[in-house]
Amino acid sequence: MIILPAKDCPALDRTVIYEYYFHWDGDPDGEGRGALGLGLLSLCNHSSRPNARVDRNYARLTLDLVANAPIRPGDEVTIDYGCTLWFELRE
């Protein structure tokens, strides 16, 4: 994970990075630092019925991907983005 300074987030919101970073602290739809999740976390799609969640671990400075229930091999891992969506939701 890479923590992004709050002052850089408005500029990142105008790039492709906007779709891949999380709010680390502060208001989810406002000011605060960002966190760019690396690895599999950046591949998780949104769902209003997710089978996983992202926990912010401030002590370890990590974004932890945690299953809400058992996930079978071959199942897509989905999360709730927890913010105002910038795309039309399809389930």
C-alpha atoms as a PDB file:
ATOM      1  CA  MET A   1       0.000   0.000   0.000  1.00  0.00           C
ATOM      2  CA  ILE A   2       1.129   3.529  -0.723  1.00  0.00           C
ATOM      3  CA  ILE A   3      -0.306   6.378   1.359  1.00  0.00           C
ATOM      4  CA  LEU A   4      -1.078   9.398  -0.806  1.00  0.00           C
ATOM      5  CA  PRO A   5      -0.900  12.895   0.715  1.00  0.00           C
ATOM      6  CA  ALA A   6      -4.248  14.691   0.981  1.00  0.00           C
ATOM      7  CA  LYS A   7      -2.894  17.595  -1.072  1.00  0.00           C
ATOM      8  CA  ASP A   8      -2.258  15.239  -4.028  1.00  0.00           C
ATOM      9  CA  CYS A   9      -5.663  13.522  -4.032  1.00  0.00           C
ATOM     10  CA  PRO A  10      -7.566  16.212  -6.010  1.00  0.00           C
ATOM     11  CA  ALA A  11      -5.032  15.906  -8.842  1.00  0.00           C
ATOM     12  CA  LEU A  12      -5.210  12.087  -8.697  1.00  0.00           C
ATOM     13  CA  ASP A  13      -9.004  12.309  -8.964  1.00  0.00           C
ATOM     14  CA  ARG A  14      -8.483  13.541 -12.537  1.00  0.00           C
ATOM     15  CA  THR A  15      -6.382  10.504 -13.523  1.00  0.00           C
ATOM     16  CA  VAL A  16      -6.906   6.767 -13.956  1.00  0.00           C
ATOM     17  CA  ILE A  17      -5.647   6.345 -10.353  1.00  0.00           C
ATOM     18  CA  TYR A  18      -9.027   7.720  -9.171  1.00  0.00           C
ATOM     19  CA  GLU A  19     -10.622   4.328  -9.768  1.00  0.00           C
ATOM     20  CA  TYR A  20      -8.006   2.433  -7.772  1.00  0.00           C
ATOM     21  CA  TYR A  21      -7.289   4.273  -4.551  1.00  0.00           C
ATOM     22  CA  PHE A  22      -9.126   4.280  -1.242  1.00  0.00           C
ATOM     23  CA  HIS A  23      -9.603   7.065   1.251  1.00  0.00           C
ATOM     24  CA  TRP A  24      -7.219   6.335   4.110  1.00  0.00           C
ATOM     25  CA  ASP A  25      -8.496   8.852   6.617  1.00  0.00           C
ATOM     26  CA  GLY A  26     -10.787  11.857   6.755  1.00  0.00           C
ATOM     27  CA  ASP A  27     -14.156  12.145   5.008  1.00  0.00           C
ATOM     28  CA  PRO A  28     -14.699   9.354   2.398  1.00  0.00           C
ATOM     29  CA  ASP A  29     -16.243  11.857  -0.013  1.00  0.00           C
ATOM     30  CA  GLY A  30     -14.064  14.804   0.993  1.00  0.00           C
ATOM     31  CA  GLU A  31     -10.608  15.658   2.239  1.00  0.00           C
ATOM     32  CA  GLY A  32      -8.159  13.176   3.637  1.00  0.00           C
ATOM     33  CA  ARG A  33      -5.221  11.060   2.612  1.00  0.00           C
ATOM     34  CA  GLY A  34      -5.553   8.306   0.054  1.00  0.00           C
ATOM     35  CA  ALA A  35      -4.245   4.741   0.043  1.00  0.00           C
ATOM     36  CA  LEU A  36      -3.298   2.978  -3.148  1.00  0.00           C
ATOM     37  CA  GLY A  37      -3.906  -0.731  -2.612  1.00  0.00           C
ATOM     38  CA  LEU A  38      -1.477  -2.945  -4.457  1.00  0.00           C
ATOM     39  CA  GLY A  39      -1.826  -6.560  -5.486  1.00  0.00           C
ATOM     40  CA  LEU A  40      -5.196  -8.312  -5.624  1.00  0.00           C
ATOM     41  CA  LEU A  41      -7.015  -5.567  -3.742  1.00  0.00           C
ATOM     42  CA  SER A  42      -6.890  -3.299  -6.798  1.00  0.00           C
ATOM     43  CA  LEU A  43      -8.716  -5.973  -8.839  1.00  0.00           C
ATOM     44  CA  CYS A  44     -11.821  -6.259  -6.618  1.00  0.00           C
ATOM     45  CA  ASN A  45     -15.042  -5.040  -8.198  1.00  0.00           C
ATOM     46  CA  HIS A  46     -17.872  -3.293  -6.360  1.00  0.00           C
ATOM     47  CA  SER A  47     -21.012  -5.090  -5.230  1.00  0.00           C
ATOM     48  CA  SER A  48     -23.928  -3.997  -3.063  1.00  0.00           C
ATOM     49  CA  ARG A  49     -23.776  -7.593  -1.720  1.00  0.00           C
ATOM     50  CA  PRO A  50     -19.997  -8.037  -1.338  1.00  0.00           C
ATOM     51  CA  ASN A  51     -18.364 -11.244  -0.210  1.00  0.00           C
ATOM     52  CA  ALA A  52     -15.355  -9.394   1.233  1.00  0.00           C
ATOM     53  CA  ARG A  53     -14.460  -6.073   2.834  1.00  0.00           C
ATOM     54  CA  VAL A  54     -11.441  -3.822   3.153  1.00  0.00           C
ATOM     55  CA  ASP A  55     -10.292  -3.062   6.688  1.00  0.00           C
ATOM     56  CA  ARG A  56      -7.961  -0.123   7.224  1.00  0.00           C
ATOM     57  CA  ASN A  57      -5.258  -1.231   9.640  1.00  0.00           C
ATOM     58  CA  TYR A  58      -3.761   2.048  10.836  1.00  0.00           C
ATOM     59  CA  ALA A  59      -1.304   0.369  13.218  1.00  0.00           C
ATOM     60  CA  ARG A  60       0.268  -1.753  10.463  1.00  0.00           C
ATOM     61  CA  LEU A  61      -0.378   0.748   7.636  1.00  0.00           C
ATOM     62  CA  THR A  62      -2.155  -1.869   5.543  1.00  0.00           C
ATOM     63  CA  LEU A  63      -5.414  -2.345   3.712  1.00  0.00           C
ATOM     64  CA  ASP A  64      -6.584  -5.820   4.681  1.00  0.00           C
ATOM     65  CA  LEU A  65      -8.883  -7.808   2.390  1.00  0.00           C
ATOM     66  CA  VAL A  66     -11.161  -9.895   4.650  1.00  0.00           C
ATOM     67  CA  ALA A  67     -13.782 -12.427   3.528  1.00  0.00           C
ATOM     68  CA  ASN A  68     -17.321 -11.845   4.884  1.00  0.00           C
ATOM     69  CA  ALA A  69     -18.101 -15.512   4.306  1.00  0.00           C
ATOM     70  CA  PRO A  70     -16.334 -18.485   2.707  1.00  0.00           C
ATOM     71  CA  ILE A  71     -15.340 -17.756  -0.897  1.00  0.00           C
ATOM     72  CA  ARG A  72     -15.100 -20.776  -3.171  1.00  0.00           C
ATOM     73  CA  PRO A  73     -12.353 -21.214  -5.774  1.00  0.00           C
ATOM     74  CA  GLY A  74     -13.460 -19.471  -8.958  1.00  0.00           C
ATOM     75  CA  ASP A  75     -15.796 -16.992  -7.202  1.00  0.00           C
ATOM     76  CA  GLU A  76     -15.202 -13.318  -7.885  1.00  0.00           C
ATOM     77  CA  VAL A  77     -14.070 -11.418  -4.783  1.00  0.00           C
ATOM     78  CA  THR A  78     -16.185  -8.270  -4.462  1.00  0.00           C
ATOM     79  CA  ILE A  79     -16.204  -5.367  -2.032  1.00  0.00           C
ATOM     80  CA  ASP A  80     -18.450  -2.381  -1.326  1.00  0.00           C
ATOM     81  CA  TYR A  81     -16.459   0.660  -2.405  1.00  0.00           C
ATOM     82  CA  GLY A  82     -18.063   2.654   0.407  1.00  0.00           C
ATOM     83  CA  CYS A  83     -18.249   5.906  -1.507  1.00  0.00           C
ATOM     84  CA  THR A  84     -20.331   7.736  -4.073  1.00  0.00           C
ATOM     85  CA  LEU A  85     -20.105   5.583  -7.191  1.00  0.00           C
ATOM     86  CA  TRP A  86     -18.870   7.172 -10.410  1.00  0.00           C
ATOM     87  CA  PHE A  87     -20.453   4.503 -12.620  1.00  0.00           C
ATOM     88  CA  GLU A  88     -23.881   2.962 -13.157  1.00  0.00           C
ATOM     89  CA  LEU A  89     -24.381   0.026 -10.812  1.00  0.00           C
ATOM     90  CA  ARG A  90     -25.164  -3.332 -12.422  1.00  0.00           C
ATOM     91  CA  GLU A  91     -25.594  -6.486 -10.369  1.00  0.00           C
END
